[in-house]
């Protein structure tokens, strides 16, 4: 067991035992996950086999309903789903260039799989910390087969365009003969800021990927939604990528549980994130972005070393059973550290005064400067 794994187990154990949680959720035990899966499965439900039937077919149908698409295909990972979507766009249009933001998931977190496995290449759409505008797409100096838009753009601070900006950007891609793919790993919670349903958002695109664990509390899994031609292609390439697993009913049932129980709560998390962000911004030296948050997640800076902040949070959790925020990293600006705040179910119990009080207790644990 590596030191990194041991440290992660320590953090998760501390978080699991906390009575108060500001950022994130208490990790469920394996037994709790199994209880949720069992509660979702009918007594006569049979397993899926190699991606067909059972709970996999049910969750595919449910996603297609929510996104208003002809169909959807279950994938074990979003990375695999998006590679298939980009490859499909390249083959359909005859253009292997994909419009990608420099902070997009395929460029930052997938070890260049889009190029090494998918055979496509990146055309960077903008250097601004937001999704590209219509003018920027129109001004790209080479043709692209697919424009990938990450909603929200996580590594820029979970930022979203306005609805009108999104419509205009999609229109500019269409004018250039490009397909549009939505990286909707966190699309579920984006409806509040955009002011439109998931089906209305997905209707702008040719394909949409959604995740079942990032905001819905599932154990893994994703879906790629679109028309029947895309689905036929996706199933073939899912097999080639090694994603046609013998059975995936645990992940599919956990996804259905999240769609039924967590999805309806996300709008409340987004609303409360604005309350939490305002309270955090009033702490000494603190900064939040965006203000107000576009979703239930946002970035948070404090003027202290990252190691000291992580140690203070762990001590607070282990000794006082209260969790403030972890995952601190040095920020680009010297003297600051940054983390991501996720406002979920546990944070709904905290009003602004309680957020301030918890933040004060957290800061008291930092070494005197």
Protein backbone atom coordinates (compact mmCIF):
# COMPACT_ATOMS: atom_id res chain seq x y z
CA UNK A 1 0.00 0.00 0.00
CA UNK A 2 1.48 3.35 -1.03
CA UNK A 3 1.79 6.35 1.27
CA UNK A 4 -0.64 8.24 -0.96
CA UNK A 5 -3.29 5.54 -0.64
CA UNK A 6 -2.84 5.36 3.13
CA UNK A 7 -3.26 9.14 3.39
CA UNK A 8 -6.42 9.00 1.27
CA UNK A 9 -7.88 6.30 3.51
CA UNK A 10 -7.10 8.45 6.53
CA UNK A 11 -8.90 11.44 4.99
CA UNK A 12 -11.93 9.39 3.97
CA UNK A 13 -12.13 7.78 7.40
CA UNK A 14 -12.03 11.19 9.05
CA UNK A 15 -14.67 12.59 6.70
CA UNK A 16 -16.90 9.55 7.22
CA UNK A 17 -16.88 10.18 10.97
CA UNK A 18 -17.71 13.89 10.84
CA UNK A 19 -20.97 15.29 12.20
CA UNK A 20 -20.54 18.54 10.24
CA UNK A 21 -19.44 18.72 6.60
CA UNK A 22 -19.11 21.92 4.60
CA UNK A 23 -17.55 20.71 1.34
CA UNK A 24 -18.33 17.33 -0.15
CA UNK A 25 -20.25 14.36 1.19
CA UNK A 26 -19.54 11.67 3.72
CA UNK A 27 -18.27 8.61 1.84
CA UNK A 28 -20.71 5.73 1.90
CA UNK A 29 -19.57 2.34 3.09
CA UNK A 30 -19.71 -0.59 0.70
CA UNK A 31 -22.66 -1.89 2.71
CA UNK A 32 -24.54 1.39 2.22
CA UNK A 33 -23.94 1.27 -1.53
CA UNK A 34 -25.23 -2.30 -1.61
CA UNK A 35 -28.35 -1.24 0.31
CA UNK A 36 -29.05 1.49 -2.25
CA UNK A 37 -28.54 -0.92 -5.13
CA UNK A 38 -30.81 -3.51 -3.51
CA UNK A 39 -33.54 -0.93 -2.93
CA UNK A 40 -33.44 0.02 -6.62
CA UNK A 41 -33.60 -3.52 -8.05
CA UNK A 42 -36.88 -5.32 -8.57
CA UNK A 43 -36.93 -8.83 -7.18
CA UNK A 44 -37.20 -10.36 -10.64
CA UNK A 45 -34.59 -8.14 -12.35
CA UNK A 46 -32.11 -10.18 -14.38
CA UNK A 47 -28.50 -9.08 -14.99
CA UNK A 48 -27.36 -7.36 -18.13
CA UNK A 49 -25.04 -9.25 -20.47
CA UNK A 50 -22.29 -7.48 -22.40
CA UNK A 51 -24.11 -4.15 -22.27
CA UNK A 52 -27.57 -5.40 -23.18
CA UNK A 53 -30.72 -5.73 -21.09
CA UNK A 54 -31.25 -5.48 -17.35
CA UNK A 55 -30.52 -2.30 -15.44
CA UNK A 56 -28.17 -1.09 -18.19
CA UNK A 57 -31.06 -0.89 -20.66
CA UNK A 58 -33.21 0.83 -18.04
CA UNK A 59 -30.66 3.54 -17.30
CA UNK A 60 -30.02 4.09 -21.02
CA UNK A 61 -33.75 4.63 -21.56
CA UNK A 62 -33.98 6.97 -18.56
CA UNK A 63 -31.05 9.11 -19.77
CA UNK A 64 -32.54 9.34 -23.25
CA UNK A 65 -35.80 10.54 -21.66
CA UNK A 66 -34.05 13.18 -19.55
CA UNK A 67 -31.91 14.46 -22.44
CA UNK A 68 -34.62 14.20 -25.08
CA UNK A 69 -32.43 12.10 -27.39
CA UNK A 70 -33.32 9.11 -29.54
CA UNK A 71 -31.20 6.82 -27.41
CA UNK A 72 -28.21 6.56 -25.07
CA UNK A 73 -25.39 4.08 -24.57
CA UNK A 74 -23.96 3.09 -21.17
CA UNK A 75 -20.17 3.30 -20.82
CA UNK A 76 -17.96 2.22 -17.93
CA UNK A 77 -16.13 5.58 -18.04
CA UNK A 78 -16.67 9.04 -19.41
CA UNK A 79 -13.16 9.10 -20.86
CA UNK A 80 -14.09 6.18 -23.10
CA UNK A 81 -17.44 7.73 -24.07
CA UNK A 82 -15.87 11.01 -25.11
CA UNK A 83 -13.14 9.37 -27.16
CA UNK A 84 -15.83 7.53 -29.09
CA UNK A 85 -17.80 10.75 -29.62
CA UNK A 86 -14.73 12.59 -30.96
CA UNK A 87 -13.76 9.66 -33.20
CA UNK A 88 -17.31 9.51 -34.58
CA UNK A 89 -17.23 13.20 -35.44
CA UNK A 90 -13.93 12.80 -37.26
CA UNK A 91 -15.13 9.87 -39.33
CA UNK A 92 -18.47 11.47 -40.13
CA UNK A 93 -17.08 14.83 -41.22
CA UNK A 94 -13.73 13.71 -42.62
CA UNK A 95 -11.98 16.17 -40.27
CA UNK A 96 -9.82 14.80 -37.48
CA UNK A 97 -9.46 18.14 -35.68
CA UNK A 98 -11.49 18.68 -32.50
CA UNK A 99 -12.07 22.09 -30.99
CA UNK A 100 -10.92 21.77 -27.37
CA UNK A 101 -10.39 24.25 -24.57
CA UNK A 102 -6.87 24.10 -23.06
CA UNK A 103 -8.50 23.40 -19.68
CA UNK A 104 -10.87 20.72 -20.98
CA UNK A 105 -10.87 17.23 -19.51
CA UNK A 106 -9.44 15.50 -22.61
CA UNK A 107 -6.42 17.82 -22.62
CA UNK A 108 -5.73 17.88 -18.87
CA UNK A 109 -6.83 14.56 -17.41
CA UNK A 110 -6.74 11.78 -20.03
CA UNK A 111 -3.02 11.35 -20.83
CA UNK A 112 -3.51 12.41 -24.47
CA UNK A 113 -5.85 9.47 -25.11
CA UNK A 114 -7.83 11.53 -27.63
CA UNK A 115 -4.74 11.56 -29.88
CA UNK A 116 -2.99 8.31 -29.00
CA UNK A 117 -6.09 6.13 -29.07
CA UNK A 118 -8.72 8.21 -30.82
CA UNK A 119 -6.60 9.41 -33.70
CA UNK A 120 -7.85 12.98 -33.47
CA UNK A 121 -5.93 16.18 -32.84
CA UNK A 122 -6.71 19.24 -30.77
CA UNK A 123 -7.40 22.73 -32.04
CA UNK A 124 -7.41 25.03 -29.02
CA UNK A 125 -10.47 27.23 -29.12
CA UNK A 126 -9.48 30.05 -26.73
CA UNK A 127 -7.00 30.92 -24.01
CA UNK A 128 -9.61 32.63 -21.85
CA UNK A 129 -10.73 30.76 -18.69
CA UNK A 130 -14.22 30.09 -20.07
CA UNK A 131 -15.84 28.26 -22.95
CA UNK A 132 -15.21 29.81 -26.39
CA UNK A 133 -17.43 32.54 -27.77
CA UNK A 134 -19.12 32.45 -31.15
CA UNK A 135 -16.59 34.93 -32.50
CA UNK A 136 -13.69 32.76 -31.35
CA UNK A 137 -15.16 29.67 -32.99
CA UNK A 138 -15.82 31.58 -36.19
CA UNK A 139 -12.21 32.84 -36.17
CA UNK A 140 -10.53 29.43 -35.78
CA UNK A 141 -7.79 29.25 -38.40
CA UNK A 142 -8.48 25.65 -39.44
CA UNK A 143 -11.60 23.50 -39.88
CA UNK A 144 -12.74 21.20 -37.09
CA UNK A 145 -14.94 18.12 -37.22
CA UNK A 146 -16.26 18.46 -33.67
CA UNK A 147 -16.50 21.29 -31.17
CA UNK A 148 -16.37 19.95 -27.62
CA UNK A 149 -17.91 22.18 -24.95
CA UNK A 150 -17.44 21.26 -21.29
CA UNK A 151 -20.45 22.38 -19.25
CA UNK A 152 -19.40 23.60 -16.77
CA UNK A 153 -15.68 24.13 -17.47
CA UNK A 154 -14.38 22.57 -14.26
CA UNK A 155 -10.74 23.65 -14.31
CA UNK A 156 -11.67 27.27 -14.95
CA UNK A 157 -13.82 27.29 -11.80
CA UNK A 158 -16.95 25.40 -12.88
CA UNK A 159 -17.92 28.28 -15.15
CA UNK A 160 -20.81 28.31 -17.60
CA UNK A 161 -21.79 30.60 -20.45
CA UNK A 162 -25.18 32.26 -20.53
CA UNK A 163 -27.84 30.51 -22.57
CA UNK A 164 -27.61 33.07 -25.35
CA UNK A 165 -23.81 32.72 -25.45
CA UNK A 166 -24.11 28.94 -25.65
CA UNK A 167 -26.65 29.11 -28.48
CA UNK A 168 -24.44 31.54 -30.39
CA UNK A 169 -21.32 29.38 -29.97
CA UNK A 170 -23.18 26.29 -31.18
CA UNK A 171 -24.46 28.26 -34.14
CA UNK A 172 -20.94 29.36 -35.05
CA UNK A 173 -19.77 25.73 -35.00
CA UNK A 174 -22.65 24.73 -37.26
CA UNK A 175 -21.78 27.52 -39.67
CA UNK A 176 -18.31 25.99 -39.97
CA UNK A 177 -19.69 22.52 -40.66
CA UNK A 178 -18.70 21.11 -37.28
CA UNK A 179 -20.59 18.75 -35.03
CA UNK A 180 -21.11 19.78 -31.40
CA UNK A 181 -20.43 17.46 -28.47
CA UNK A 182 -21.23 18.37 -24.86
CA UNK A 183 -18.98 17.15 -22.08
CA UNK A 184 -21.84 17.09 -19.60
CA UNK A 185 -20.12 15.32 -16.72
CA UNK A 186 -21.76 17.98 -14.54
CA UNK A 187 -24.61 18.90 -16.87
CA UNK A 188 -27.27 17.90 -14.36
CA UNK A 189 -26.55 20.90 -12.11
CA UNK A 190 -26.00 23.34 -14.98
CA UNK A 191 -29.71 23.76 -15.70
CA UNK A 192 -30.12 26.39 -12.98
CA UNK A 193 -27.61 28.87 -14.42
CA UNK A 194 -28.56 28.18 -18.04
CA UNK A 195 -32.26 28.44 -17.27
CA UNK A 196 -33.18 25.52 -19.49
CA UNK A 197 -33.83 21.80 -19.00
CA UNK A 198 -31.33 19.07 -19.70
CA UNK A 199 -33.35 18.16 -22.80
CA UNK A 200 -33.24 21.73 -24.10
CA UNK A 201 -29.48 21.91 -23.51
CA UNK A 202 -28.81 18.53 -25.15
CA UNK A 203 -30.98 19.53 -28.12
CA UNK A 204 -28.29 22.05 -29.09
CA UNK A 205 -25.73 19.28 -29.58
CA UNK A 206 -25.21 16.20 -31.73
CA UNK A 207 -24.05 14.15 -28.75
CA UNK A 208 -23.92 14.56 -24.98
CA UNK A 209 -21.97 12.68 -22.33
CA UNK A 210 -23.23 12.54 -18.74
CA UNK A 211 -21.66 11.05 -15.62
CA UNK A 212 -23.36 9.00 -12.94
CA UNK A 213 -20.90 9.49 -10.09
CA UNK A 214 -19.63 13.08 -10.13
CA UNK A 215 -22.84 14.67 -8.85
CA UNK A 216 -25.30 11.78 -8.60
CA UNK A 217 -23.40 9.66 -6.07
CA UNK A 218 -23.08 6.56 -8.24
CA UNK A 219 -20.13 4.20 -8.09
CA UNK A 220 -19.01 4.63 -11.72
CA UNK A 221 -20.35 4.82 -15.23
CA UNK A 222 -21.43 7.27 -17.89
CA UNK A 223 -23.74 7.53 -20.89
CA UNK A 224 -23.32 8.89 -24.40
CA UNK A 225 -26.61 10.19 -25.78
CA UNK A 226 -27.58 11.04 -29.33
CA UNK A 227 -29.24 9.49 -32.37
CA UNK A 228 -29.43 5.83 -33.34
CA UNK A 229 -26.53 6.08 -35.78
CA UNK A 230 -24.25 7.40 -33.05
CA UNK A 231 -25.46 4.67 -30.70
CA UNK A 232 -24.72 1.92 -33.21
CA UNK A 233 -21.20 3.29 -33.70
CA UNK A 234 -20.74 3.78 -29.95
CA UNK A 235 -21.59 0.18 -29.15
CA UNK A 236 -19.09 -1.09 -31.73
CA UNK A 237 -16.29 1.10 -30.45
CA UNK A 238 -17.18 0.50 -26.80
CA UNK A 239 -16.46 -3.16 -27.54
CA UNK A 240 -13.14 -2.32 -29.25
CA UNK A 241 -12.09 -0.16 -26.31
CA UNK A 242 -12.78 -3.02 -23.89
CA UNK A 243 -15.92 -1.44 -22.46
CA UNK A 244 -18.39 -4.24 -23.22
CA UNK A 245 -18.12 -5.70 -19.73
CA UNK A 246 -19.84 -9.00 -18.99
CA UNK A 247 -22.14 -7.40 -16.39
CA UNK A 248 -22.50 -3.82 -15.16
CA UNK A 249 -25.67 -4.01 -13.11
CA UNK A 250 -24.10 -2.62 -9.88
CA UNK A 251 -23.02 0.61 -11.62
CA UNK A 252 -26.28 0.85 -13.57
CA UNK A 253 -28.46 0.38 -10.49
CA UNK A 254 -26.39 2.93 -8.56
CA UNK A 255 -26.92 5.33 -11.47
CA UNK A 256 -30.67 4.79 -11.36
CA UNK A 257 -30.63 5.41 -7.61
CA UNK A 258 -28.78 8.69 -8.14
CA UNK A 259 -31.15 9.81 -10.89
CA UNK A 260 -34.13 9.11 -8.63
CA UNK A 261 -32.82 10.49 -5.34
CA UNK A 262 -29.92 12.90 -5.92
CA UNK A 263 -30.86 14.57 -9.21
CA UNK A 264 -33.95 16.29 -7.72
CA UNK A 265 -31.78 17.81 -4.96
CA UNK A 266 -29.13 19.42 -7.18
CA UNK A 267 -31.01 22.69 -7.73
CA UNK A 268 -31.14 23.16 -3.97
CA UNK A 269 -27.40 22.59 -3.74
CA UNK A 270 -26.81 25.25 -6.39
CA UNK A 271 -28.96 27.76 -4.52
CA UNK A 272 -27.21 27.06 -1.21
CA UNK A 273 -23.78 27.29 -2.84
CA UNK A 274 -24.42 31.01 -3.28
CA UNK A 275 -25.06 31.36 0.45
CA UNK A 276 -21.95 29.38 1.33
CA UNK A 277 -19.75 31.27 -1.14
CA UNK A 278 -20.81 34.64 0.22
CA UNK A 279 -20.02 33.56 3.78
CA UNK A 280 -16.64 32.10 2.80
CA UNK A 281 -15.67 35.22 0.89
CA UNK A 282 -15.94 37.21 4.13
CA UNK A 283 -13.23 35.16 5.87
CA UNK A 284 -9.87 36.96 6.28
CA UNK A 285 -7.99 37.07 2.98
CA UNK A 286 -10.47 34.76 1.22
CA UNK A 287 -11.52 34.82 -2.43
CA UNK A 288 -14.19 32.85 -4.27
CA UNK A 289 -14.82 32.36 -7.99
CA UNK A 290 -17.18 32.62 -9.69
CA UNK A 291 -19.22 34.93 -7.49
CA UNK A 292 -21.96 33.91 -7.32
CA UNK A 293 -21.22 30.28 -8.24
CA UNK A 294 -22.69 28.96 -11.49
CA UNK A 295 -23.27 25.48 -10.03
CA UNK A 296 -22.93 23.90 -6.58
CA UNK A 297 -19.14 23.92 -6.99
CA UNK A 298 -16.69 26.80 -7.04
CA UNK A 299 -13.08 27.72 -6.33
CA UNK A 300 -11.90 29.09 -3.00
CA UNK A 301 -8.57 30.75 -2.13
CA UNK A 302 -6.92 31.46 1.21
CA UNK A 303 -3.57 33.21 1.93
CA UNK A 304 -1.89 30.26 3.65
CA UNK A 305 0.36 27.35 2.59
CA UNK A 306 -1.50 24.39 1.10
CA UNK A 307 0.12 21.83 3.42
CA UNK A 308 -0.88 23.81 6.49
CA UNK A 309 -4.48 24.10 5.26
CA UNK A 310 -4.75 20.37 4.57
CA UNK A 311 -3.27 19.53 7.96
CA UNK A 312 -5.63 21.96 9.70
CA UNK A 313 -8.66 20.42 8.02
CA UNK A 314 -7.62 16.88 8.92
CA UNK A 315 -6.99 17.87 12.54
CA UNK A 316 -10.38 19.59 12.72
CA UNK A 317 -12.05 16.46 11.34
CA UNK A 318 -10.27 13.97 13.57
CA UNK A 319 -10.48 15.99 16.76
CA UNK A 320 -13.74 17.93 16.42
CA UNK A 321 -15.69 15.79 13.91
CA UNK A 322 -16.07 18.78 11.59
CA UNK A 323 -14.97 18.95 7.94
CA UNK A 324 -14.22 22.29 6.30
CA UNK A 325 -12.43 21.69 2.98
CA UNK A 326 -9.53 19.58 1.76
CA UNK A 327 -7.55 19.17 -1.43
CA UNK A 328 -5.65 22.44 -1.07
CA UNK A 329 -3.02 23.17 -3.71
CA UNK A 330 -0.62 26.08 -4.22
CA UNK A 331 -2.27 28.70 -6.43
CA UNK A 332 -0.63 30.37 -9.39
CA UNK A 333 -0.45 33.61 -7.43
CA UNK A 334 2.29 33.36 -4.76
CA UNK A 335 1.06 33.34 -1.19
CA UNK A 336 -2.32 31.81 -1.99
CA UNK A 337 -3.68 28.26 -1.97
CA UNK A 338 -6.79 27.08 -3.76
CA UNK A 339 -9.33 24.29 -3.45
CA UNK A 340 -12.70 23.35 -4.88
CA UNK A 341 -15.80 23.65 -2.72
CA UNK A 342 -18.68 21.25 -3.34
CA UNK A 343 -21.95 22.16 -1.66
CA UNK A 344 -24.07 19.03 -1.29
CA UNK A 345 -26.51 17.51 1.18
CA UNK A 346 -24.48 17.94 4.39
CA UNK A 347 -23.87 21.65 3.74
CA UNK A 348 -27.61 22.34 3.59
CA UNK A 349 -27.56 22.04 7.38
CA UNK A 350 -25.24 25.07 7.62
CA UNK A 351 -26.52 28.63 7.44
CA UNK A 352 -24.20 31.58 6.76
CA UNK A 353 -23.40 32.14 10.44
CA UNK A 354 -22.51 28.48 10.88
CA UNK A 355 -20.30 28.57 7.78
CA UNK A 356 -18.48 31.57 9.24
CA UNK A 357 -18.11 29.89 12.62
CA UNK A 358 -16.74 26.70 11.06
CA UNK A 359 -14.33 28.71 8.93
CA UNK A 360 -13.10 30.56 12.00
CA UNK A 361 -12.48 27.30 13.86
CA UNK A 362 -10.60 25.99 10.84
CA UNK A 363 -8.38 29.07 10.56
CA UNK A 364 -7.54 28.95 14.28
CA UNK A 365 -5.83 25.62 13.67
CA UNK A 366 -3.28 27.17 11.31
CA UNK A 367 0.21 27.83 12.66
CA UNK A 368 0.81 31.39 13.75
CA UNK A 369 2.52 33.35 10.96
